[in-house]
Amino acid sequence: MAKIDEVKARIDWLKELFKIVITVMVADVAGMAKLYLDNTIDVLFYMGGLLLPLLVAVCVNISKKIERHFNELEGL
């Protein structure tokens, strides 16, 4: 049973991390939209645009890890 609890704990931690990354993505898009609407497109705007693909890659990586742990649970 210890192995199952360990895998469940990892899944819970990854789910929380996923929520945090999604929250940062939403805040980034909101900040970029605010800069665009204020017509102040500067370095901050472009940095936000460059940050989005990185955050998407992190989300995909976390999702794959969660799926791998779910498959590991099925094997136990």
N, C-alpha and C. Protein backbone atom coordinates (compact mmCIF):
# COMPACT_ATOMS: atom_id res chain seq x y z
N MET A 1 0.81 -1.20 0.00
CA MET A 1 0.00 0.00 0.00
C MET A 1 0.86 1.27 0.00
N ALA A 2 2.08 1.18 0.46
CA ALA A 2 2.92 2.37 0.55
C ALA A 2 3.23 2.91 -0.84
N LYS A 3 3.42 2.02 -1.81
CA LYS A 3 3.72 2.46 -3.17
C LYS A 3 2.54 3.21 -3.76
N ILE A 4 1.32 2.74 -3.52
CA ILE A 4 0.12 3.41 -4.02
C ILE A 4 0.00 4.81 -3.41
N ASP A 5 0.24 4.90 -2.11
CA ASP A 5 0.15 6.21 -1.45
C ASP A 5 1.20 7.17 -1.97
N GLU A 6 2.39 6.65 -2.26
CA GLU A 6 3.46 7.49 -2.79
C GLU A 6 3.11 8.02 -4.18
N VAL A 7 2.55 7.18 -5.02
CA VAL A 7 2.16 7.60 -6.37
C VAL A 7 1.01 8.61 -6.29
N LYS A 8 0.06 8.36 -5.42
CA LYS A 8 -1.05 9.31 -5.24
C LYS A 8 -0.55 10.66 -4.77
N ALA A 9 0.41 10.67 -3.85
CA ALA A 9 0.98 11.93 -3.35
C ALA A 9 1.67 12.67 -4.48
N ARG A 10 2.41 11.95 -5.34
CA ARG A 10 3.06 12.60 -6.49
C ARG A 10 2.05 13.19 -7.44
N ILE A 11 0.97 12.46 -7.68
CA ILE A 11 -0.08 12.96 -8.58
C ILE A 11 -0.71 14.23 -7.99
N ASP A 12 -1.00 14.22 -6.70
CA ASP A 12 -1.58 15.41 -6.05
C ASP A 12 -0.64 16.60 -6.16
N TRP A 13 0.65 16.37 -5.94
CA TRP A 13 1.62 17.46 -6.03
C TRP A 13 1.68 18.01 -7.46
N LEU A 14 1.68 17.12 -8.45
CA LEU A 14 1.73 17.55 -9.85
C LEU A 14 0.46 18.31 -10.24
N LYS A 15 -0.69 17.89 -9.70
CA LYS A 15 -1.93 18.60 -9.98
C LYS A 15 -1.88 20.02 -9.43
N GLU A 16 -1.34 20.19 -8.24
CA GLU A 16 -1.21 21.53 -7.66
C GLU A 16 -0.24 22.38 -8.47
N LEU A 17 0.85 21.79 -8.90
CA LEU A 17 1.81 22.50 -9.75
C LEU A 17 1.16 22.92 -11.06
N PHE A 18 0.35 22.05 -11.63
CA PHE A 18 -0.35 22.35 -12.88
C PHE A 18 -1.29 23.54 -12.68
N LYS A 19 -2.00 23.57 -11.56
CA LYS A 19 -2.90 24.69 -11.27
C LYS A 19 -2.14 26.00 -11.17
N ILE A 20 -0.97 25.96 -10.54
CA ILE A 20 -0.16 27.17 -10.40
C ILE A 20 0.30 27.67 -11.76
N VAL A 21 0.75 26.76 -12.62
CA VAL A 21 1.23 27.16 -13.95
C VAL A 21 0.09 27.73 -14.78
N ILE A 22 -1.08 27.14 -14.70
CA ILE A 22 -2.24 27.67 -15.43
C ILE A 22 -2.60 29.06 -14.92
N THR A 23 -2.53 29.26 -13.61
CA THR A 23 -2.82 30.58 -13.03
C THR A 23 -1.83 31.62 -13.54
N VAL A 24 -0.56 31.26 -13.62
CA VAL A 24 0.45 32.19 -14.13
C VAL A 24 0.19 32.50 -15.60
N MET A 25 -0.24 31.49 -16.36
CA MET A 25 -0.55 31.72 -17.77
C MET A 25 -1.72 32.70 -17.93
N VAL A 26 -2.76 32.52 -17.13
CA VAL A 26 -3.92 33.42 -17.20
C VAL A 26 -3.51 34.84 -16.83
N ALA A 27 -2.69 34.97 -15.79
CA ALA A 27 -2.22 36.30 -15.38
C ALA A 27 -1.36 36.93 -16.47
N ASP A 28 -0.55 36.12 -17.14
CA ASP A 28 0.30 36.62 -18.22
C ASP A 28 -0.55 37.13 -19.38
N VAL A 29 -1.54 36.36 -19.78
CA VAL A 29 -2.41 36.79 -20.87
C VAL A 29 -3.19 38.04 -20.49
N ALA A 30 -3.65 38.11 -19.24
CA ALA A 30 -4.38 39.29 -18.79
C ALA A 30 -3.47 40.52 -18.79
N GLY A 31 -2.24 40.35 -18.36
CA GLY A 31 -1.29 41.46 -18.37
C GLY A 31 -0.98 41.92 -19.78
N MET A 32 -0.82 40.97 -20.69
CA MET A 32 -0.55 41.34 -22.09
C MET A 32 -1.76 42.06 -22.69
N ALA A 33 -2.95 41.59 -22.37
CA ALA A 33 -4.16 42.24 -22.89
C ALA A 33 -4.27 43.66 -22.35
N LYS A 34 -3.94 43.84 -21.08
CA LYS A 34 -3.99 45.17 -20.47
C LYS A 34 -2.98 46.10 -21.15
N LEU A 35 -1.78 45.61 -21.39
CA LEU A 35 -0.77 46.43 -22.08
C LEU A 35 -1.22 46.77 -23.49
N TYR A 36 -1.83 45.81 -24.16
CA TYR A 36 -2.30 46.05 -25.53
C TYR A 36 -3.41 47.10 -25.56
N LEU A 37 -4.36 46.96 -24.63
CA LEU A 37 -5.47 47.92 -24.59
C LEU A 37 -5.02 49.32 -24.19
N ASP A 38 -4.00 49.40 -23.34
CA ASP A 38 -3.46 50.69 -22.94
C ASP A 38 -2.52 51.27 -24.00
N ASN A 39 -2.29 50.50 -25.04
CA ASN A 39 -1.44 50.92 -26.16
C ASN A 39 -0.01 51.20 -25.68
N THR A 40 0.45 50.40 -24.73
CA THR A 40 1.83 50.51 -24.24
C THR A 40 2.57 49.22 -24.54
N ILE A 41 2.72 48.94 -25.81
CA ILE A 41 3.42 47.72 -26.22
C ILE A 41 4.92 48.01 -26.14
N ASP A 42 5.55 47.38 -25.15
CA ASP A 42 6.98 47.58 -24.94
C ASP A 42 7.63 46.24 -24.63
N VAL A 43 8.76 46.28 -23.99
CA VAL A 43 9.51 45.07 -23.70
C VAL A 43 8.70 44.11 -22.84
N LEU A 44 7.95 44.62 -21.89
CA LEU A 44 7.15 43.78 -21.01
C LEU A 44 6.13 42.96 -21.80
N PHE A 45 5.52 43.58 -22.79
CA PHE A 45 4.54 42.90 -23.63
C PHE A 45 5.19 41.73 -24.36
N TYR A 46 6.35 41.98 -24.95
CA TYR A 46 7.04 40.93 -25.70
C TYR A 46 7.59 39.84 -24.79
N MET A 47 8.01 40.20 -23.59
CA MET A 47 8.46 39.19 -22.64
C MET A 47 7.30 38.27 -22.25
N GLY A 48 6.11 38.85 -22.10
CA GLY A 48 4.94 38.03 -21.80
C GLY A 48 4.62 37.09 -22.95
N GLY A 49 4.79 37.57 -24.18
CA GLY A 49 4.56 36.72 -25.34
C GLY A 49 5.57 35.60 -25.44
N LEU A 50 6.80 35.86 -25.04
CA LEU A 50 7.83 34.82 -25.07
C LEU A 50 7.67 33.82 -23.93
N LEU A 51 7.03 34.25 -22.85
CA LEU A 51 6.83 33.38 -21.71
C LEU A 51 5.74 32.33 -21.96
N LEU A 52 4.76 32.67 -22.78
CA LEU A 52 3.63 31.75 -23.00
C LEU A 52 4.05 30.40 -23.57
N PRO A 53 4.87 30.33 -24.64
CA PRO A 53 5.26 28.99 -25.13
C PRO A 53 6.01 28.17 -24.09
N LEU A 54 6.80 28.83 -23.26
CA LEU A 54 7.50 28.13 -22.19
C LEU A 54 6.51 27.53 -21.19
N LEU A 55 5.51 28.31 -20.82
CA LEU A 55 4.50 27.82 -19.88
C LEU A 55 3.67 26.69 -20.48
N VAL A 56 3.38 26.78 -21.77
CA VAL A 56 2.64 25.70 -22.44
C VAL A 56 3.47 24.42 -22.42
N ALA A 57 4.77 24.53 -22.68
CA ALA A 57 5.64 23.36 -22.65
C ALA A 57 5.68 22.74 -21.25
N VAL A 58 5.69 23.58 -20.23
CA VAL A 58 5.68 23.09 -18.85
C VAL A 58 4.37 22.35 -18.56
N CYS A 59 3.25 22.91 -19.04
CA CYS A 59 1.94 22.26 -18.84
C CYS A 59 1.89 20.90 -19.52
N VAL A 60 2.41 20.82 -20.72
CA VAL A 60 2.42 19.55 -21.45
C VAL A 60 3.28 18.53 -20.70
N ASN A 61 4.43 18.98 -20.22
CA ASN A 61 5.32 18.08 -19.48
C ASN A 61 4.66 17.58 -18.20
N ILE A 62 4.01 18.45 -17.48
CA ILE A 62 3.33 18.04 -16.24
C ILE A 62 2.19 17.07 -16.56
N SER A 63 1.45 17.34 -17.63
CA SER A 63 0.35 16.44 -18.01
C SER A 63 0.87 15.05 -18.35
N LYS A 64 2.00 14.98 -19.05
CA LYS A 64 2.58 13.67 -19.38
C LYS A 64 3.02 12.93 -18.13
N LYS A 65 3.59 13.66 -17.16
CA LYS A 65 4.01 13.02 -15.92
C LYS A 65 2.80 12.50 -15.14
N ILE A 66 1.73 13.28 -15.11
CA ILE A 66 0.52 12.83 -14.42
C ILE A 66 -0.03 11.57 -15.08
N GLU A 67 -0.06 11.57 -16.41
CA GLU A 67 -0.56 10.39 -17.13
C GLU A 67 0.32 9.18 -16.86
N ARG A 68 1.63 9.37 -16.81
CA ARG A 68 2.56 8.27 -16.53
C ARG A 68 2.29 7.70 -15.13
N HIS A 69 2.02 8.58 -14.17
CA HIS A 69 1.75 8.09 -12.81
C HIS A 69 0.39 7.39 -12.74
N PHE A 70 -0.61 7.85 -13.50
CA PHE A 70 -1.89 7.14 -13.55
C PHE A 70 -1.70 5.74 -14.13
N ASN A 71 -0.89 5.63 -15.17
CA ASN A 71 -0.63 4.31 -15.75
C ASN A 71 0.11 3.43 -14.75
N GLU A 72 0.98 4.03 -13.96
CA GLU A 72 1.69 3.28 -12.93
C GLU A 72 0.71 2.78 -11.86
N LEU A 73 -0.31 3.60 -11.55
CA LEU A 73 -1.32 3.17 -10.58
C LEU A 73 -2.11 1.98 -11.09
N GLU A 74 -2.40 1.96 -12.40
CA GLU A 74 -3.16 0.85 -12.96
C GLU A 74 -2.39 -0.45 -12.86
N GLY A 75 -1.06 -0.33 -12.92
CA GLY A 75 -0.23 -1.54 -12.82
C GLY A 75 -0.11 -2.09 -11.41
N LEU A 76 -0.46 -1.30 -10.41
CA LEU A 76 -0.31 -1.77 -9.02
C LEU A 76 -1.53 -2.52 -8.55
